[in-house]
Each structure stands twice: as structure tokens, then as C-alpha cells.
Amino acid sequence: MEESTYQIAEKISKLYQEAYGVYLPLVEDVCSRKVSEDVGR
């Protein structure tokens, strides 16, 4: 089965959207954390 460039691009776009939805909450959680300057001392 041979796929057209358009079909492959469409699949990549859908995969990107899925990954964005999965990882966005995780990244926002990490970025919103506050860390003390005294960690590891």
C-alpha cells in the first residue's frame, strides 16, 4: 500500500496534536512549580 505525501502529512499532524494534548498538562505542571534555592544544600 502506497501512501501519498498528503496522507503521510495528515498522519504526522494528527500525531502532533495527540502528543501536544498529552504533554501540555505535564509541561505546565513542571513549569508552574516553585523550587527553593536551598535544595541540595
PDB file of N, CA and C in Angstrom:
ATOM      1  N   MET A   1       0.845  -1.194   0.000  1.00  0.00           N
ATOM      2  CA  MET A   1       0.000   0.000   0.000  1.00  0.00           C
ATOM      3  C   MET A   1       0.882   1.247   0.000  1.00  0.00           C
ATOM      4  N   GLU A   2       0.699   2.070  -0.971  1.00  0.00           N
ATOM      5  CA  GLU A   2       1.493   3.280  -1.085  1.00  0.00           C
ATOM      6  C   GLU A   2       0.664   4.480  -0.639  1.00  0.00           C
ATOM      7  N   GLU A   3       1.247   5.264   0.252  1.00  0.00           N
ATOM      8  CA  GLU A   3       0.539   6.444   0.743  1.00  0.00           C
ATOM      9  C   GLU A   3       1.048   7.686   0.031  1.00  0.00           C
ATOM     10  N   SER A   4       0.153   8.613  -0.156  1.00  0.00           N
ATOM     11  CA  SER A   4       0.553   9.877  -0.762  1.00  0.00           C
ATOM     12  C   SER A   4       1.222  10.754   0.300  1.00  0.00           C
ATOM     13  N   THR A   5       1.955  11.722  -0.168  1.00  0.00           N
ATOM     14  CA  THR A   5       2.609  12.663   0.731  1.00  0.00           C
ATOM     15  C   THR A   5       1.568  13.365   1.598  1.00  0.00           C
ATOM     16  N   TYR A   6       0.427  13.672   1.012  1.00  0.00           N
ATOM     17  CA  TYR A   6      -0.654  14.333   1.759  1.00  0.00           C
ATOM     18  C   TYR A   6      -1.134  13.464   2.918  1.00  0.00           C
ATOM     19  N   GLN A   7      -1.310  12.159   2.671  1.00  0.00           N
ATOM     20  CA  GLN A   7      -1.783  11.258   3.722  1.00  0.00           C
ATOM     21  C   GLN A   7      -0.763  11.144   4.850  1.00  0.00           C
ATOM     22  N   ILE A   8       0.499  11.079   4.482  1.00  0.00           N
ATOM     23  CA  ILE A   8       1.554  10.992   5.499  1.00  0.00           C
ATOM     24  C   ILE A   8       1.593  12.276   6.325  1.00  0.00           C
ATOM     25  N   ALA A   9       1.500  13.419   5.665  1.00  0.00           N
ATOM     26  CA  ALA A   9       1.493  14.705   6.371  1.00  0.00           C
ATOM     27  C   ALA A   9       0.293  14.803   7.306  1.00  0.00           C
ATOM     28  N   GLU A  10      -0.840  14.295   6.876  1.00  0.00           N
ATOM     29  CA  GLU A  10      -2.041  14.311   7.704  1.00  0.00           C
ATOM     30  C   GLU A  10      -1.844  13.465   8.963  1.00  0.00           C
ATOM     31  N   LYS A  11      -1.220  12.301   8.810  1.00  0.00           N
ATOM     32  CA  LYS A  11      -0.956  11.426   9.962  1.00  0.00           C
ATOM     33  C   LYS A  11       0.020  12.073  10.937  1.00  0.00           C
ATOM     34  N   ILE A  12       1.046  12.727  10.396  1.00  0.00           N
ATOM     35  CA  ILE A  12       2.014  13.414  11.247  1.00  0.00           C
ATOM     36  C   ILE A  12       1.329  14.531  12.022  1.00  0.00           C
ATOM     37  N   SER A  13       0.452  15.264  11.362  1.00  0.00           N
ATOM     38  CA  SER A  13      -0.277  16.350  12.010  1.00  0.00           C
ATOM     39  C   SER A  13      -1.157  15.825  13.140  1.00  0.00           C
ATOM     40  N   LYS A  14      -1.852  14.721  12.912  1.00  0.00           N
ATOM     41  CA  LYS A  14      -2.702  14.135  13.949  1.00  0.00           C
ATOM     42  C   LYS A  14      -1.870  13.653  15.125  1.00  0.00           C
ATOM     43  N   LEU A  15      -0.724  13.051  14.848  1.00  0.00           N
ATOM     44  CA  LEU A  15       0.164  12.582  15.905  1.00  0.00           C
ATOM     45  C   LEU A  15       0.682  13.752  16.730  1.00  0.00           C
ATOM     46  N   TYR A  16       1.040  14.847  16.065  1.00  0.00           N
ATOM     47  CA  TYR A  16       1.495  16.053  16.749  1.00  0.00           C
ATOM     48  C   TYR A  16       0.412  16.580  17.696  1.00  0.00           C
ATOM     49  N   GLN A  17      -0.824  16.617  17.214  1.00  0.00           N
ATOM     50  CA  GLN A  17      -1.929  17.110  18.031  1.00  0.00           C
ATOM     51  C   GLN A  17      -2.159  16.228  19.251  1.00  0.00           C
ATOM     52  N   GLU A  18      -2.064  14.912  19.068  1.00  0.00           N
ATOM     53  CA  GLU A  18      -2.217  13.983  20.184  1.00  0.00           C
ATOM     54  C   GLU A  18      -1.119  14.189  21.218  1.00  0.00           C
ATOM     55  N   ALA A  19       0.116  14.277  20.752  1.00  0.00           N
ATOM     56  CA  ALA A  19       1.251  14.459  21.660  1.00  0.00           C
ATOM     57  C   ALA A  19       1.131  15.776  22.409  1.00  0.00           C
ATOM     58  N   TYR A  20       0.719  16.814  21.734  1.00  0.00           N
ATOM     59  CA  TYR A  20       0.542  18.123  22.368  1.00  0.00           C
ATOM     60  C   TYR A  20      -0.471  18.031  23.506  1.00  0.00           C
ATOM     61  N   GLY A  21      -1.580  17.359  23.244  1.00  0.00           N
ATOM     62  CA  GLY A  21      -2.618  17.209  24.261  1.00  0.00           C
ATOM     63  C   GLY A  21      -2.158  16.394  25.456  1.00  0.00           C
ATOM     64  N   VAL A  22      -1.311  15.412  25.218  1.00  0.00           N
ATOM     65  CA  VAL A  22      -0.820  14.559  26.303  1.00  0.00           C
ATOM     66  C   VAL A  22       0.235  15.290  27.139  1.00  0.00           C
ATOM     67  N   TYR A  23       1.168  15.957  26.470  1.00  0.00           N
ATOM     68  CA  TYR A  23       2.311  16.537  27.177  1.00  0.00           C
ATOM     69  C   TYR A  23       2.085  17.935  27.720  1.00  0.00           C
ATOM     70  N   LEU A  24       1.142  18.688  27.186  1.00  0.00           N
ATOM     71  CA  LEU A  24       0.918  20.058  27.658  1.00  0.00           C
ATOM     72  C   LEU A  24       0.648  20.125  29.156  1.00  0.00           C
ATOM     73  N   PRO A  25      -0.272  19.313  29.705  1.00  0.00           N
ATOM     74  CA  PRO A  25      -0.510  19.397  31.153  1.00  0.00           C
ATOM     75  C   PRO A  25       0.736  19.041  31.972  1.00  0.00           C
ATOM     76  N   LEU A  26       1.529  18.109  31.493  1.00  0.00           N
ATOM     77  CA  LEU A  26       2.742  17.722  32.215  1.00  0.00           C
ATOM     78  C   LEU A  26       3.765  18.857  32.214  1.00  0.00           C
ATOM     79  N   VAL A  27       3.950  19.488  31.071  1.00  0.00           N
ATOM     80  CA  VAL A  27       4.898  20.588  30.966  1.00  0.00           C
ATOM     81  C   VAL A  27       4.427  21.779  31.801  1.00  0.00           C
ATOM     82  N   GLU A  28       3.147  22.090  31.740  1.00  0.00           N
ATOM     83  CA  GLU A  28       2.622  23.200  32.537  1.00  0.00           C
ATOM     84  C   GLU A  28       2.811  22.943  34.025  1.00  0.00           C
ATOM     85  N   ASP A  29       2.633  21.689  34.455  1.00  0.00           N
ATOM     86  CA  ASP A  29       2.829  21.336  35.860  1.00  0.00           C
ATOM     87  C   ASP A  29       4.270  21.583  36.285  1.00  0.00           C
ATOM     88  N   VAL A  30       5.207  21.118  35.490  1.00  0.00           N
ATOM     89  CA  VAL A  30       6.621  21.297  35.820  1.00  0.00           C
ATOM     90  C   VAL A  30       6.983  22.785  35.836  1.00  0.00           C
ATOM     91  N   CYS A  31       6.502  23.525  34.862  1.00  0.00           N
ATOM     92  CA  CYS A  31       6.847  24.945  34.759  1.00  0.00           C
ATOM     93  C   CYS A  31       6.212  25.786  35.858  1.00  0.00           C
ATOM     94  N   SER A  32       5.138  25.317  36.446  1.00  0.00           N
ATOM     95  CA  SER A  32       4.457  26.114  37.474  1.00  0.00           C
ATOM     96  C   SER A  32       4.980  25.831  38.882  1.00  0.00           C
ATOM     97  N   ARG A  33       5.860  24.849  39.028  1.00  0.00           N
ATOM     98  CA  ARG A  33       6.380  24.513  40.345  1.00  0.00           C
ATOM     99  C   ARG A  33       7.387  25.561  40.812  1.00  0.00           C
ATOM    100  N   LYS A  34       7.379  25.786  42.113  1.00  0.00           N
ATOM    101  CA  LYS A  34       8.362  26.693  42.709  1.00  0.00           C
ATOM    102  C   LYS A  34       9.332  25.841  43.503  1.00  0.00           C
ATOM    103  N   VAL A  35      10.615  26.112  43.288  1.00  0.00           N
ATOM    104  CA  VAL A  35      11.659  25.337  43.936  1.00  0.00           C
ATOM    105  C   VAL A  35      12.470  26.257  44.828  1.00  0.00           C
ATOM    106  N   SER A  36      12.762  25.782  46.016  1.00  0.00           N
ATOM    107  CA  SER A  36      13.559  26.568  46.947  1.00  0.00           C
ATOM    108  C   SER A  36      15.006  26.628  46.464  1.00  0.00           C
ATOM    109  N   GLU A  37      15.658  27.744  46.728  1.00  0.00           N
ATOM    110  CA  GLU A  37      17.083  27.907  46.373  1.00  0.00           C
ATOM    111  C   GLU A  37      17.953  27.020  47.254  1.00  0.00           C
ATOM    112  N   ASP A  38      17.419  26.546  48.378  1.00  0.00           N
ATOM    113  CA  ASP A  38      18.191  25.763  49.338  1.00  0.00           C
ATOM    114  C   ASP A  38      18.207  24.265  49.020  1.00  0.00           C
ATOM    115  N   VAL A  39      17.614  23.851  47.932  1.00  0.00           N
ATOM    116  CA  VAL A  39      17.551  22.431  47.589  1.00  0.00           C
ATOM    117  C   VAL A  39      18.955  21.900  47.358  1.00  0.00           C
ATOM    118  N   GLY A  40      19.276  20.795  48.011  1.00  0.00           N
ATOM    119  CA  GLY A  40      20.566  20.136  47.800  1.00  0.00           C
ATOM    120  C   GLY A  40      21.706  20.685  48.639  1.00  0.00           C
ATOM    121  N   ARG A  41      21.418  21.547  49.573  1.00  0.00           N
ATOM    122  CA  ARG A  41      22.494  22.111  50.417  1.00  0.00           C
ATOM    123  C   ARG A  41      22.514  21.455  51.759  1.00  0.00           C
TER     124      ARG A  41
END
